[in-house]
Protein backbone atom coordinates (compact mmCIF):
# COMPACT_ATOMS: atom_id res chain seq x y z
CA UNK A 1 18.47 -37.38 -25.30
CA UNK A 2 16.65 -38.69 -22.25
CA UNK A 3 18.25 -39.47 -18.89
CA UNK A 4 18.92 -43.15 -19.53
CA UNK A 5 20.37 -42.58 -23.00
CA UNK A 6 22.52 -39.76 -21.63
CA UNK A 7 23.78 -42.01 -18.81
CA UNK A 8 24.64 -44.70 -21.35
CA UNK A 9 26.59 -42.22 -23.46
CA UNK A 10 28.44 -40.86 -20.40
CA UNK A 11 29.38 -44.36 -19.30
CA UNK A 12 30.60 -45.28 -22.80
CA UNK A 13 32.60 -42.04 -23.05
CA UNK A 14 34.37 -42.86 -19.79
CA UNK A 15 35.08 -46.40 -20.96
CA UNK A 16 36.48 -45.09 -24.26
CA UNK A 17 38.74 -42.68 -22.39
CA UNK A 18 40.03 -45.62 -20.35
CA UNK A 19 40.50 -48.18 -23.10
CA UNK A 20 39.17 -47.20 -26.50
CA UNK A 21 36.17 -48.10 -28.60
CA UNK A 22 36.75 -51.84 -28.61
CA UNK A 23 37.36 -52.11 -24.87
CA UNK A 24 33.73 -52.16 -23.71
CA UNK A 25 30.48 -53.97 -24.35
CA UNK A 26 26.81 -53.25 -23.83
CA UNK A 27 26.86 -55.83 -21.05
CA UNK A 28 29.59 -53.90 -19.21
CA UNK A 29 27.63 -50.67 -19.54
CA UNK A 30 24.46 -52.39 -18.33
CA UNK A 31 26.27 -53.84 -15.33
CA UNK A 32 27.78 -50.49 -14.40
CA UNK A 33 24.47 -48.67 -14.74
CA UNK A 34 22.49 -51.42 -13.01
CA UNK A 35 20.17 -52.01 -15.97
CA UNK A 36 19.56 -54.89 -18.37
CA UNK A 37 21.47 -55.11 -21.65
CA UNK A 38 18.10 -54.84 -23.39
CA UNK A 39 17.82 -51.30 -22.01
CA UNK A 40 21.06 -50.36 -23.74
CA UNK A 41 19.85 -51.94 -26.99
CA UNK A 42 16.53 -50.09 -26.70
CA UNK A 43 18.32 -46.73 -26.87
CA UNK A 44 21.20 -47.80 -29.11
CA UNK A 45 20.40 -50.86 -31.25
CA UNK A 46 24.08 -51.33 -32.15
CA UNK A 47 27.47 -50.35 -30.83
CA UNK A 48 27.87 -48.30 -34.00
CA UNK A 49 24.72 -46.30 -33.13
CA UNK A 50 26.13 -45.66 -29.66
CA UNK A 51 29.50 -44.73 -31.16
CA UNK A 52 27.85 -42.23 -33.48
CA UNK A 53 25.80 -40.71 -30.65
CA UNK A 54 28.71 -40.33 -28.26
CA UNK A 55 31.09 -38.99 -30.92
CA UNK A 56 28.49 -36.45 -32.05
CA UNK A 57 27.85 -35.42 -28.46
CA UNK A 58 31.54 -35.03 -27.67
CA UNK A 59 32.12 -33.04 -30.87
CA UNK A 60 29.19 -30.71 -30.18
CA UNK A 61 30.14 -30.15 -26.54
CA UNK A 62 33.79 -29.47 -27.37
CA UNK A 63 32.95 -27.03 -30.17
CA UNK A 64 30.24 -25.32 -28.11
CA UNK A 65 32.79 -24.89 -25.34
CA UNK A 66 35.07 -23.12 -27.79
CA UNK A 67 32.41 -20.72 -28.99
CA UNK A 68 33.26 -18.26 -31.73
CA UNK A 69 36.96 -17.42 -32.07
CA UNK A 70 35.99 -13.76 -32.54
CA UNK A 71 34.63 -13.71 -28.98
CA UNK A 72 38.08 -14.34 -27.49
CA UNK A 73 40.84 -11.75 -27.16
CA UNK A 74 43.52 -14.32 -27.94
CA UNK A 75 41.85 -17.31 -29.60
CA UNK A 76 45.04 -19.39 -29.73
CA UNK A 77 45.55 -19.05 -25.99
CA UNK A 78 41.88 -19.94 -25.40
CA UNK A 79 42.16 -23.01 -27.64
CA UNK A 80 45.24 -24.30 -25.82
CA UNK A 81 43.46 -23.76 -22.49
CA UNK A 82 40.48 -25.79 -23.77
CA UNK A 83 42.78 -28.81 -24.16
CA UNK A 84 44.30 -28.19 -20.74
CA UNK A 85 40.83 -27.94 -19.18
CA UNK A 86 39.79 -31.18 -20.87
CA UNK A 87 42.84 -32.98 -19.49
CA UNK A 88 42.25 -31.69 -15.97
CA UNK A 89 38.50 -32.39 -16.06
CA UNK A 90 38.67 -35.90 -17.49
CA UNK A 91 42.25 -36.88 -16.63
CA UNK A 92 42.51 -38.50 -20.03
CA UNK A 93 43.19 -37.81 -23.66
CA UNK A 94 40.58 -36.28 -25.95
CA UNK A 95 37.88 -38.83 -26.78
CA UNK A 96 38.20 -38.09 -30.49
CA UNK A 97 41.98 -38.51 -30.21
CA UNK A 98 41.54 -41.88 -28.52
CA UNK A 99 39.10 -42.93 -31.22
CA UNK A 100 41.35 -41.63 -33.99
CA UNK A 101 44.05 -44.03 -32.82
CA UNK A 102 41.61 -46.83 -33.70
CA UNK A 103 40.36 -45.23 -36.93
CA UNK A 104 41.11 -48.22 -39.11
CA UNK A 105 38.90 -50.44 -36.98
CA UNK A 106 36.00 -48.05 -36.39
CA UNK A 107 32.65 -48.10 -38.16
CA UNK A 108 32.61 -45.64 -41.08
CA UNK A 109 29.92 -43.35 -39.55
CA UNK A 110 32.06 -42.89 -36.42
CA UNK A 111 35.13 -42.15 -38.57
CA UNK A 112 33.15 -39.54 -40.48
CA UNK A 113 32.29 -37.72 -37.26
CA UNK A 114 35.95 -37.86 -36.20
CA UNK A 115 36.88 -36.30 -39.54
CA UNK A 116 34.24 -33.62 -38.93
CA UNK A 117 35.67 -32.99 -35.44
CA UNK A 118 39.12 -32.51 -36.95
CA UNK A 119 37.92 -30.30 -39.80
CA UNK A 120 35.86 -28.08 -37.49
CA UNK A 121 38.74 -27.69 -35.04
CA UNK A 122 41.11 -26.71 -37.85
CA UNK A 123 38.49 -24.32 -39.23
CA UNK A 124 38.10 -22.77 -35.76
CA UNK A 125 41.85 -22.39 -35.44
CA UNK A 126 42.19 -20.77 -38.88
CA UNK A 127 39.53 -18.22 -37.95
CA UNK A 128 41.20 -17.67 -34.58
CA UNK A 129 44.62 -17.22 -36.17
CA UNK A 130 43.11 -14.74 -38.63
CA UNK A 131 41.79 -12.70 -35.71
CA UNK A 132 44.89 -12.93 -33.54
CA UNK A 133 47.47 -12.75 -36.32
CA UNK A 134 45.89 -10.84 -39.23
CA UNK A 135 49.27 -10.35 -40.92
CA UNK A 136 49.86 -14.12 -41.25
CA UNK A 137 49.45 -15.46 -44.80
CA UNK A 138 46.35 -17.59 -45.42
CA UNK A 139 48.39 -20.64 -46.47
CA UNK A 140 50.46 -20.38 -43.29
CA UNK A 141 47.25 -20.12 -41.21
CA UNK A 142 45.97 -23.36 -42.75
CA UNK A 143 49.26 -25.15 -42.14
CA UNK A 144 49.58 -23.71 -38.64
CA UNK A 145 46.01 -24.70 -37.72
CA UNK A 146 46.60 -28.32 -38.75
CA UNK A 147 49.95 -28.42 -36.92
CA UNK A 148 48.49 -26.87 -33.75
CA UNK A 149 45.61 -29.30 -33.68
CA UNK A 150 47.94 -32.26 -34.26
CA UNK A 151 50.43 -31.08 -31.63
CA UNK A 152 47.73 -30.61 -28.98
CA UNK A 153 46.08 -33.97 -29.71
CA UNK A 154 49.46 -35.65 -29.36
CA UNK A 155 50.36 -33.65 -26.28
CA UNK A 156 47.13 -34.42 -24.43
CA UNK A 157 47.55 -38.11 -25.21
CA UNK A 158 51.15 -38.10 -23.98
CA UNK A 159 50.22 -36.08 -20.87
CA UNK A 160 47.43 -38.51 -20.01
CA UNK A 161 49.63 -41.55 -20.67
CA UNK A 162 52.50 -40.33 -18.52
CA UNK A 163 50.35 -38.54 -15.93
CA UNK A 164 52.33 -35.37 -16.69
CA UNK A 165 49.81 -32.57 -17.33
CA UNK A 166 52.73 -30.14 -17.46
CA UNK A 167 53.67 -31.65 -20.83
CA UNK A 168 50.57 -30.09 -22.35
CA UNK A 169 51.60 -26.72 -20.88
CA UNK A 170 55.06 -27.06 -22.45
CA UNK A 171 53.61 -27.87 -25.86
CA UNK A 172 51.20 -24.95 -25.52
CA UNK A 173 54.12 -22.59 -24.86
CA UNK A 174 56.05 -24.08 -27.77
CA UNK A 175 53.08 -23.56 -30.10
CA UNK A 176 52.84 -19.90 -29.10
CA UNK A 177 56.58 -19.45 -29.63
CA UNK A 178 56.42 -20.99 -33.10
CA UNK A 179 53.26 -19.22 -34.24
CA UNK A 180 54.05 -15.83 -32.80
């Protein structure tokens, strides 16, 4: 992705964090970046194309940041810290969590990437739980992974909404108490 396209995606990601998918337009992005709307359309012919690109980028960056669960001593702790780092860095909820709240009104290709984001996070967590808690039954790992992901998505949203980052810490401790 070239510099202009990357700047467009970054601007749209910030706008989504602030107000969701339907809260911005190409004109707003163009104004903020100091370019013409035609420049936005050149790189992303439709808002759906931009939504796909930014959701793919966010998903890839988040998963790359996690790495392989086997490379972490305590994958569950690392995963919880990834959400805490995201909250501190962006001072907002997870982009995919924000988008998921609008799932019924999103273009299908964007929804599909959100589903992929969720599935890959749960898959990562199951692998991490297998490493960290080998004695845990496989069915429990699957249920725990889905519950952990859901709890952290909800916690980061609540923490961002209330400007209480400590809420995410509390939920992280609760998760470790329940799983361990």
